[in-house]
Amino acid sequence: MHRLILLMNCPDQKGIIAHVTNFIHDKKGNIVYIDQYVDRLNKTFYMRVEVEVEKSNDYFNNFIEEFNKILGNKFKLNCEFYLKEKKPKMAVFVSKYDHCLYDILSQHKSNNLNCYIPFIISNHSDLKVIAKRFEVPFYHIPVEKSNKEKAEEMQIKILKENKIDFIVLARYMQILSPKLVGLFKNKIINIHHSFLPAFPGAKPYHSAFKRGVKIIGATSHYVTDELDGGPIIEQDTVRVSHIHGVNDFISKGQDLERIVLIRALKLHTERKVMIYSNKTIIFN
């Protein structure tokens, strides 16, 4: 048996859950997880379902075709289908900070991340030694103002050749162009070192210290054309006080960054995130 994950949304109306579960029963599927949410402001229904199904590709393709034909038209359903055991390919973009990269590669090696990592791309060569240690191919593509467009073309070429499903920016200190963001819409995950929407942009720890905050945080979000303004996947905070300097903020914050980013990656790879109105629904 294989696990099929369904993520769906449609205008809110009566009978959706009943029709979906009856369809799955008729297809001899076994529901092992179901959760739903209604956005009452916009009158939109969202649901995540995990189903145990037969193994054959014919069954899988037939299930999707009939589901869309019978229920898609009836309820105006938008539905995404994923086989749970089919791991997505994740490209890792980094610069010089190594703490998030170490955690990602360690979690991946321990089989705690449901994805493949075909390569790492960096605008610096500093972290090549880490990639070598974990036996992951490393591409050093320098990015300067004079060559940014050409560098991004090289990045896109590598991404397409490897059929990458999504990208993680593990403290990649460059702003992506609208072209690259558009190619991977809602498929680029960033870790920002503040509790957004507070202190977006560069040097948030310094800004937080200057402001005299009592908590600092980390935020993992999908990348959009608005700097640090995409849908938020995961956040966390830690307390600070007058006795802490900027370096203390950075040290405490980097611990949070690792934790928050891994949580976000797990939610994304396990297909537990749905996006709406620049927000996210997280199914646990």
Protein backbone atom coordinates (compact mmCIF):
# COMPACT_ATOMS: atom_id res chain seq x y z
CA MET A 1 0.00 0.00 0.00
CA HIS A 2 1.07 3.56 -0.73
CA ARG A 3 0.06 6.84 0.90
CA LEU A 4 -1.61 9.45 -1.29
CA ILE A 5 -1.81 13.02 0.06
CA LEU A 6 -4.60 15.32 -1.14
CA LEU A 7 -4.52 19.08 -0.58
CA MET A 8 -7.68 20.81 -1.73
CA ASN A 9 -9.61 24.06 -1.56
CA CYS A 10 -12.89 25.31 -2.97
CA PRO A 11 -15.77 27.67 -2.19
CA ASP A 12 -17.26 26.60 1.14
CA GLN A 13 -20.48 24.61 0.71
CA LYS A 14 -22.37 21.69 2.20
CA GLY A 15 -21.42 18.08 1.47
CA ILE A 16 -17.75 18.42 0.52
CA ILE A 17 -16.34 16.09 3.19
CA ALA A 18 -19.08 13.52 2.63
CA HIS A 19 -18.54 13.40 -1.12
CA VAL A 20 -14.74 13.23 -0.82
CA THR A 21 -14.79 10.44 1.77
CA ASN A 22 -17.43 8.48 -0.17
CA PHE A 23 -15.33 8.75 -3.33
CA ILE A 24 -12.27 7.45 -1.47
CA HIS A 25 -14.33 4.58 -0.02
CA ASP A 26 -15.64 3.65 -3.48
CA LYS A 27 -12.02 3.56 -4.71
CA LYS A 28 -11.16 1.17 -1.87
CA GLY A 29 -8.93 3.77 -0.25
CA ASN A 30 -8.39 3.90 3.50
CA ILE A 31 -8.35 7.36 5.10
CA VAL A 32 -5.62 7.55 7.75
CA TYR A 33 -5.67 11.34 8.29
CA ILE A 34 -8.15 14.11 7.57
CA ASP A 35 -8.27 17.76 8.67
CA GLN A 36 -10.05 20.83 7.37
CA TYR A 37 -10.33 24.58 7.83
CA VAL A 38 -12.90 27.13 6.70
CA ASP A 39 -11.89 30.72 6.02
CA ARG A 40 -15.23 32.27 6.90
CA LEU A 41 -14.19 35.74 5.79
CA ASN A 42 -13.55 34.58 2.22
CA LYS A 43 -15.94 31.59 2.40
CA THR A 44 -13.27 29.14 1.31
CA PHE A 45 -12.87 25.52 2.39
CA TYR A 46 -9.45 23.85 2.80
CA MET A 47 -8.72 20.19 3.50
CA ARG A 48 -5.80 17.77 3.76
CA VAL A 49 -6.36 14.02 3.46
CA GLU A 50 -3.95 11.07 3.62
CA VAL A 51 -5.19 7.88 1.99
CA GLU A 52 -3.75 4.38 1.77
CA VAL A 53 -4.16 3.27 -1.84
CA GLU A 54 -3.13 0.45 -4.17
CA LYS A 55 0.39 0.50 -5.53
CA SER A 56 -0.05 0.57 -9.32
CA ASN A 57 0.49 3.74 -11.38
CA ASP A 58 -2.71 2.97 -13.28
CA TYR A 59 -4.67 3.12 -10.03
CA PHE A 60 -3.00 6.38 -9.03
CA ASN A 61 -3.64 8.04 -12.41
CA ASN A 62 -7.23 6.76 -12.52
CA PHE A 63 -7.88 8.03 -8.99
CA ILE A 64 -6.73 11.54 -9.91
CA GLU A 65 -8.58 11.62 -13.23
CA GLU A 66 -11.90 10.50 -11.75
CA PHE A 67 -11.55 12.67 -8.65
CA ASN A 68 -11.07 15.78 -10.78
CA LYS A 69 -13.85 14.79 -13.16
CA ILE A 70 -16.46 13.90 -10.55
CA LEU A 71 -15.65 16.18 -7.61
CA GLY A 72 -13.53 18.88 -9.21
CA ASN A 73 -16.35 20.07 -11.43
CA LYS A 74 -19.09 19.60 -8.83
CA PHE A 75 -17.43 21.65 -6.08
CA LYS A 76 -14.97 23.72 -8.15
CA LEU A 77 -12.17 21.98 -6.26
CA ASN A 78 -8.53 22.90 -6.69
CA CYS A 79 -6.61 19.79 -5.67
CA GLU A 80 -2.96 18.75 -5.48
CA PHE A 81 -2.01 15.07 -5.26
CA TYR A 82 1.26 13.69 -3.86
CA LEU A 83 2.61 10.22 -3.23
CA LYS A 84 4.06 10.39 0.28
CA GLU A 85 7.05 8.19 -0.50
CA LYS A 86 8.06 10.26 -3.54
CA LYS A 87 10.65 12.61 -2.09
CA PRO A 88 10.95 16.12 -3.59
CA LYS A 89 14.31 17.46 -4.75
CA MET A 90 15.55 20.42 -2.70
CA ALA A 91 18.34 22.78 -3.78
CA VAL A 92 20.22 24.53 -0.98
CA PHE A 93 21.45 28.12 -1.45
CA VAL A 94 24.00 29.43 1.08
CA SER A 95 26.54 32.24 1.52
CA LYS A 96 29.05 32.22 4.42
CA TYR A 97 27.01 31.35 7.53
CA ASP A 98 27.20 27.61 8.18
CA HIS A 99 24.82 26.93 11.09
CA CYS A 100 21.68 26.30 9.03
CA LEU A 101 23.55 24.30 6.40
CA TYR A 102 25.06 21.99 9.02
CA ASP A 103 21.65 21.32 10.51
CA ILE A 104 19.99 20.66 7.15
CA LEU A 105 22.69 18.23 6.03
CA SER A 106 22.76 16.46 9.41
CA GLN A 107 18.98 16.06 9.47
CA HIS A 108 19.04 14.84 5.88
CA LYS A 109 21.79 12.29 6.55
CA SER A 110 19.79 11.00 9.52
CA ASN A 111 16.71 10.57 7.28
CA ASN A 112 14.80 13.19 9.23
CA LEU A 113 14.07 15.26 6.12
CA ASN A 114 11.81 13.77 3.47
CA CYS A 115 13.70 15.10 0.45
CA TYR A 116 16.74 14.68 -1.79
CA ILE A 117 19.55 17.27 -1.85
CA PRO A 118 21.17 17.05 -5.30
CA PHE A 119 23.49 20.03 -4.74
CA ILE A 120 24.39 23.21 -2.88
CA ILE A 121 24.82 26.59 -4.59
CA SER A 122 26.80 29.41 -2.99
CA ASN A 123 28.04 32.84 -3.95
CA HIS A 124 31.15 32.11 -1.83
CA SER A 125 33.46 29.11 -1.61
CA ASP A 126 33.76 29.10 2.21
CA LEU A 127 31.30 26.26 2.82
CA LYS A 128 32.59 23.91 0.14
CA VAL A 129 34.41 21.89 2.80
CA ILE A 130 31.08 21.17 4.54
CA ALA A 131 29.49 20.02 1.28
CA LYS A 132 32.46 17.72 0.69
CA ARG A 133 32.16 16.26 4.18
CA PHE A 134 28.51 15.35 3.51
CA GLU A 135 29.27 14.27 -0.08
CA VAL A 136 26.92 16.80 -1.68
CA PRO A 137 27.94 18.51 -4.95
CA PHE A 138 28.83 22.17 -4.48
CA TYR A 139 28.53 24.92 -7.10
CA HIS A 140 30.39 28.15 -6.45
CA ILE A 141 28.70 30.89 -8.47
CA PRO A 142 30.01 34.35 -7.46
CA VAL A 143 27.38 37.11 -7.50
CA GLU A 144 28.36 40.74 -8.02
CA LYS A 145 26.37 43.73 -9.24
CA SER A 146 28.14 43.46 -12.60
CA ASN A 147 27.31 39.77 -13.17
CA LYS A 148 24.13 39.14 -11.19
CA GLU A 149 21.95 38.40 -14.22
CA LYS A 150 24.49 35.99 -15.70
CA ALA A 151 25.01 34.28 -12.32
CA GLU A 152 21.28 33.75 -11.96
CA GLU A 153 21.08 32.27 -15.46
CA MET A 154 23.69 29.73 -14.38
CA GLN A 155 21.70 28.96 -11.23
CA ILE A 156 18.47 28.47 -13.21
CA LYS A 157 20.25 26.18 -15.67
CA ILE A 158 21.46 23.93 -12.84
CA LEU A 159 18.03 23.97 -11.19
CA LYS A 160 16.29 22.93 -14.40
CA GLU A 161 18.85 20.27 -15.32
CA ASN A 162 18.34 18.64 -11.93
CA LYS A 163 14.53 19.00 -12.03
CA ILE A 164 14.47 20.73 -8.65
CA ASP A 165 11.11 20.87 -6.87
CA PHE A 166 11.91 23.60 -4.36
CA ILE A 167 14.73 25.76 -2.97
CA VAL A 168 15.81 26.61 0.56
CA LEU A 169 17.74 29.79 1.26
CA ALA A 170 19.84 28.73 4.26
CA ARG A 171 21.11 32.23 5.04
CA TYR A 172 21.73 33.03 1.37
CA MET A 173 22.55 36.73 1.54
CA GLN A 174 21.32 37.77 -1.90
CA ILE A 175 17.96 39.09 -3.10
CA LEU A 176 16.48 36.88 -5.81
CA SER A 177 15.14 38.39 -9.01
CA PRO A 178 11.41 38.32 -9.85
CA LYS A 179 12.28 35.91 -12.67
CA LEU A 180 13.69 33.24 -10.34
CA VAL A 181 10.96 33.81 -7.75
CA GLY A 182 8.36 33.44 -10.50
CA LEU A 183 9.86 30.17 -11.74
CA PHE A 184 9.54 28.71 -8.25
CA LYS A 185 6.40 30.42 -6.98
CA ASN A 186 5.67 29.30 -3.40
CA LYS A 187 8.59 26.89 -3.71
CA ILE A 188 11.42 28.98 -2.24
CA ILE A 189 11.77 28.87 1.55
CA ASN A 190 13.82 31.48 3.39
CA ILE A 191 14.97 31.80 6.99
CA HIS A 192 14.99 35.38 8.26
CA HIS A 193 16.69 36.23 11.52
CA SER A 194 13.89 38.22 13.14
CA PHE A 195 10.31 37.75 14.30
CA LEU A 196 8.66 39.15 11.18
CA PRO A 197 7.12 41.56 10.42
CA ALA A 198 9.55 43.21 12.85
CA PHE A 199 12.98 44.10 11.47
CA PRO A 200 12.89 42.93 7.84
CA GLY A 201 15.97 43.33 5.64
CA ALA A 202 19.62 43.45 6.65
CA LYS A 203 21.11 43.30 10.18
CA PRO A 204 17.92 42.67 12.17
CA TYR A 205 19.87 41.66 15.30
CA HIS A 206 21.59 45.03 15.31
CA SER A 207 18.26 46.78 14.80
CA ALA A 208 16.66 44.75 17.60
CA PHE A 209 19.53 45.54 19.96
CA LYS A 210 19.30 49.23 19.15
CA ARG A 211 15.56 49.20 19.77
CA GLY A 212 15.97 47.48 23.15
CA VAL A 213 13.59 44.58 22.47
CA LYS A 214 12.88 41.92 25.10
CA ILE A 215 12.42 39.06 22.64
CA ILE A 216 14.14 38.17 19.37
CA GLY A 217 12.97 35.62 16.88
CA ALA A 218 13.38 33.75 13.63
CA THR A 219 10.91 33.36 10.79
CA SER A 220 10.77 30.89 7.92
CA HIS A 221 8.62 32.01 5.01
CA TYR A 222 8.01 31.54 1.31
CA VAL A 223 9.83 34.03 -0.88
CA THR A 224 7.89 36.60 -2.88
CA ASP A 225 8.91 39.78 -4.69
CA GLU A 226 8.35 41.69 -1.44
CA LEU A 227 11.48 41.49 0.71
CA ASP A 228 10.80 39.23 3.72
CA GLY A 229 7.09 39.63 3.03
CA GLY A 230 6.01 36.17 1.88
CA PRO A 231 3.63 33.72 3.59
CA ILE A 232 5.00 32.66 7.00
CA ILE A 233 5.48 28.94 7.63
CA GLU A 234 7.09 28.85 11.08
CA GLN A 235 8.32 31.23 13.80
CA ASP A 236 9.78 31.12 17.27
CA THR A 237 11.23 33.51 19.85
CA VAL A 238 13.69 33.67 22.74
CA ARG A 239 13.91 36.24 25.53
CA VAL A 240 16.73 38.75 25.78
CA SER A 241 17.44 41.54 28.24
CA HIS A 242 19.57 44.60 28.92
CA ILE A 243 22.54 42.39 29.85
CA HIS A 244 22.80 40.96 26.32
CA GLY A 245 24.92 42.55 23.60
CA VAL A 246 24.63 42.21 19.84
CA ASN A 247 26.82 39.10 19.84
CA ASP A 248 24.51 37.50 22.40
CA PHE A 249 21.54 38.31 20.18
CA ILE A 250 23.30 36.67 17.24
CA SER A 251 24.26 33.57 19.23
CA LYS A 252 20.76 33.07 20.64
CA GLY A 253 19.19 33.89 17.29
CA GLN A 254 21.24 31.41 15.28
CA ASP A 255 20.06 28.58 17.53
CA LEU A 256 16.49 29.62 16.73
CA GLU A 257 17.18 29.92 13.01
CA ARG A 258 18.26 26.28 12.82
CA ILE A 259 15.20 25.05 14.71
CA VAL A 260 12.67 27.18 12.83
CA LEU A 261 14.06 26.39 9.38
CA ILE A 262 14.07 22.63 9.97
CA ARG A 263 10.48 22.77 11.23
CA ALA A 264 9.45 24.68 8.10
CA LEU A 265 11.23 22.25 5.78
CA LYS A 266 9.55 19.29 7.45
CA LEU A 267 6.13 20.90 7.12
CA HIS A 268 6.75 21.66 3.44
CA THR A 269 8.17 18.26 2.50
CA GLU A 270 5.42 16.45 4.38
CA ARG A 271 2.83 18.47 2.40
CA LYS A 272 1.28 20.07 5.47
CA VAL A 273 1.23 23.66 4.21
CA MET A 274 -1.43 25.43 2.17
CA ILE A 275 -1.15 29.07 1.10
CA TYR A 276 -3.95 31.62 0.98
CA SER A 277 -4.06 35.44 1.01
CA ASN A 278 -0.30 35.66 1.70
CA LYS A 279 -0.82 33.47 4.78
CA THR A 280 -0.47 29.76 5.42
CA ILE A 281 -2.62 27.00 6.83
CA ILE A 282 -0.51 24.48 8.74
CA PHE A 283 -1.99 21.01 9.16
CA ASN A 284 -0.42 19.12 12.08
